Amino acid sequence: MPNVTVKLDLPTTVCTATGLRENELSGYLTEVLAVDLYRRRRVSLAKAAEIAGLSRADMVLALARHDKYFHYDADDAQSDWNTLRDLLPA
């Protein structure tokens, strides 16, 4: 998948406010974007993890760090059940 490059000019106070070094901001902002897109149900957990450059398990941890939690509803459970049923021998 091709990437988009974005240049941001932020005041240096952002480092103080976030407690991050300048070289850590890009990863942090990418993670925050992925969390927000997932929270607003614009992307799946897998896509959010891909955006953030994390594994799915690490994305779940990222959601918790940002006080957002994993969405798992009846449709997700049904989809998982169908997948398992198709994969398991009869």
C-alpha atoms as a PDB file:
ATOM      1  CA  MET A   1       0.000   0.000   0.000  1.00  0.00           C
ATOM      2  CA  PRO A   2       1.452   3.398  -0.919  1.00  0.00           C
ATOM      3  CA  ASN A   3       2.089   5.856   1.888  1.00  0.00           C
ATOM      4  CA  VAL A   4       1.231   9.525   2.271  1.00  0.00           C
ATOM      5  CA  THR A   5       3.879  11.864   3.636  1.00  0.00           C
ATOM      6  CA  VAL A   6       2.645  14.724   5.801  1.00  0.00           C
ATOM      7  CA  LYS A   7       4.785  17.562   7.091  1.00  0.00           C
ATOM      8  CA  LEU A   8       3.668  19.251  10.303  1.00  0.00           C
ATOM      9  CA  ASP A   9       5.116  22.337  11.911  1.00  0.00           C
ATOM     10  CA  LEU A  10       4.361  22.143  15.615  1.00  0.00           C
ATOM     11  CA  PRO A  11       5.543  24.351  18.449  1.00  0.00           C
ATOM     12  CA  THR A  12       8.275  22.817  20.596  1.00  0.00           C
ATOM     13  CA  THR A  13       5.860  22.929  23.525  1.00  0.00           C
ATOM     14  CA  VAL A  14       4.248  19.828  22.009  1.00  0.00           C
ATOM     15  CA  CYS A  15       7.269  17.846  23.201  1.00  0.00           C
ATOM     16  CA  THR A  16       6.825  19.178  26.707  1.00  0.00           C
ATOM     17  CA  ALA A  17       3.078  18.566  26.680  1.00  0.00           C
ATOM     18  CA  THR A  18       3.416  14.976  25.439  1.00  0.00           C
ATOM     19  CA  GLY A  19       6.613  14.141  27.305  1.00  0.00           C
ATOM     20  CA  LEU A  20       8.094  12.908  24.027  1.00  0.00           C
ATOM     21  CA  ARG A  21      11.277  13.726  22.161  1.00  0.00           C
ATOM     22  CA  GLU A  22      11.015  15.275  18.724  1.00  0.00           C
ATOM     23  CA  ASN A  23      12.023  12.013  17.035  1.00  0.00           C
ATOM     24  CA  GLU A  24       9.175  10.182  18.843  1.00  0.00           C
ATOM     25  CA  LEU A  25       6.367  12.487  17.705  1.00  0.00           C
ATOM     26  CA  SER A  26       5.798  10.925  14.293  1.00  0.00           C
ATOM     27  CA  GLY A  27       5.127   7.466  15.744  1.00  0.00           C
ATOM     28  CA  TYR A  28       2.961   8.918  18.482  1.00  0.00           C
ATOM     29  CA  LEU A  29       0.845  10.968  16.079  1.00  0.00           C
ATOM     30  CA  THR A  30       0.452   8.000  13.744  1.00  0.00           C
ATOM     31  CA  GLU A  31      -0.729   5.884  16.681  1.00  0.00           C
ATOM     32  CA  VAL A  32      -3.168   8.583  17.810  1.00  0.00           C
ATOM     33  CA  LEU A  33      -4.593   8.803  14.282  1.00  0.00           C
ATOM     34  CA  ALA A  34      -5.018   5.022  14.099  1.00  0.00           C
ATOM     35  CA  VAL A  35      -6.728   4.974  17.517  1.00  0.00           C
ATOM     36  CA  ASP A  36      -9.075   7.786  16.494  1.00  0.00           C
ATOM     37  CA  LEU A  37     -10.002   6.147  13.191  1.00  0.00           C
ATOM     38  CA  TYR A  38     -10.713   2.888  15.021  1.00  0.00           C
ATOM     39  CA  ARG A  39     -12.695   4.665  17.747  1.00  0.00           C
ATOM     40  CA  ARG A  40     -14.880   6.318  15.119  1.00  0.00           C
ATOM     41  CA  ARG A  41     -15.286   2.904  13.409  1.00  0.00           C
ATOM     42  CA  ARG A  42     -13.751   4.205  10.192  1.00  0.00           C
ATOM     43  CA  VAL A  43     -11.246   1.320  10.123  1.00  0.00           C
ATOM     44  CA  SER A  44     -11.035  -2.202  11.510  1.00  0.00           C
ATOM     45  CA  LEU A  45      -8.630  -3.253  14.234  1.00  0.00           C
ATOM     46  CA  ALA A  46      -6.385  -4.856  11.615  1.00  0.00           C
ATOM     47  CA  LYS A  47      -6.337  -1.683   9.498  1.00  0.00           C
ATOM     48  CA  ALA A  48      -5.692   0.506  12.568  1.00  0.00           C
ATOM     49  CA  ALA A  49      -2.769  -1.758  13.481  1.00  0.00           C
ATOM     50  CA  GLU A  50      -1.424  -1.472   9.933  1.00  0.00           C
ATOM     51  CA  ILE A  51      -1.698   2.331  10.033  1.00  0.00           C
ATOM     52  CA  ALA A  52       0.088   2.467  13.385  1.00  0.00           C
ATOM     53  CA  GLY A  53       2.713  -0.073  12.307  1.00  0.00           C
ATOM     54  CA  LEU A  54       1.754  -2.389  15.165  1.00  0.00           C
ATOM     55  CA  SER A  55       0.637  -5.987  15.531  1.00  0.00           C
ATOM     56  CA  ARG A  56      -3.035  -6.488  16.360  1.00  0.00           C
ATOM     57  CA  ALA A  57      -2.123  -7.383  19.948  1.00  0.00           C
ATOM     58  CA  ASP A  58      -0.027  -4.226  20.299  1.00  0.00           C
ATOM     59  CA  MET A  59      -2.863  -2.195  18.766  1.00  0.00           C
ATOM     60  CA  VAL A  60      -5.201  -3.440  21.502  1.00  0.00           C
ATOM     61  CA  LEU A  61      -2.611  -2.231  24.034  1.00  0.00           C
ATOM     62  CA  ALA A  62      -2.392   1.113  22.204  1.00  0.00           C
ATOM     63  CA  LEU A  63      -6.172   1.460  22.445  1.00  0.00           C
ATOM     64  CA  ALA A  64      -5.961   0.904  26.198  1.00  0.00           C
ATOM     65  CA  ARG A  65      -3.166   3.486  26.510  1.00  0.00           C
ATOM     66  CA  HIS A  66      -5.502   6.004  24.900  1.00  0.00           C
ATOM     67  CA  ASP A  67      -8.507   4.929  27.005  1.00  0.00           C
ATOM     68  CA  LYS A  68     -10.247   3.407  24.000  1.00  0.00           C
ATOM     69  CA  TYR A  69     -11.289  -0.176  23.932  1.00  0.00           C
ATOM     70  CA  PHE A  70     -11.647  -3.011  21.507  1.00  0.00           C
ATOM     71  CA  HIS A  71     -15.019  -3.133  19.720  1.00  0.00           C
ATOM     72  CA  TYR A  72     -16.411  -6.629  19.602  1.00  0.00           C
ATOM     73  CA  ASP A  73     -20.098  -7.000  18.962  1.00  0.00           C
ATOM     74  CA  ALA A  74     -22.483  -9.750  17.921  1.00  0.00           C
ATOM     75  CA  ASP A  75     -21.613  -9.307  14.235  1.00  0.00           C
ATOM     76  CA  ASP A  76     -17.909  -9.768  15.032  1.00  0.00           C
ATOM     77  CA  ALA A  77     -18.685 -12.903  17.040  1.00  0.00           C
ATOM     78  CA  GLN A  78     -20.817 -14.305  14.206  1.00  0.00           C
ATOM     79  CA  SER A  79     -18.065 -13.600  11.684  1.00  0.00           C
ATOM     80  CA  ASP A  80     -15.494 -15.338  13.901  1.00  0.00           C
ATOM     81  CA  TRP A  81     -17.820 -18.289  14.383  1.00  0.00           C
ATOM     82  CA  ASN A  82     -18.359 -18.610  10.619  1.00  0.00           C
ATOM     83  CA  THR A  83     -14.608 -18.480  10.002  1.00  0.00           C
ATOM     84  CA  LEU A  84     -13.928 -21.154  12.617  1.00  0.00           C
ATOM     85  CA  ARG A  85     -16.723 -23.366  11.304  1.00  0.00           C
ATOM     86  CA  ASP A  86     -15.266 -23.117   7.776  1.00  0.00           C
ATOM     87  CA  LEU A  87     -11.741 -23.910   8.976  1.00  0.00           C
ATOM     88  CA  LEU A  88     -12.508 -26.822  11.284  1.00  0.00           C
ATOM     89  CA  PRO A  89     -12.973 -30.319   9.845  1.00  0.00           C
ATOM     90  CA  ALA A  90     -16.562 -31.551   9.790  1.00  0.00           C
END
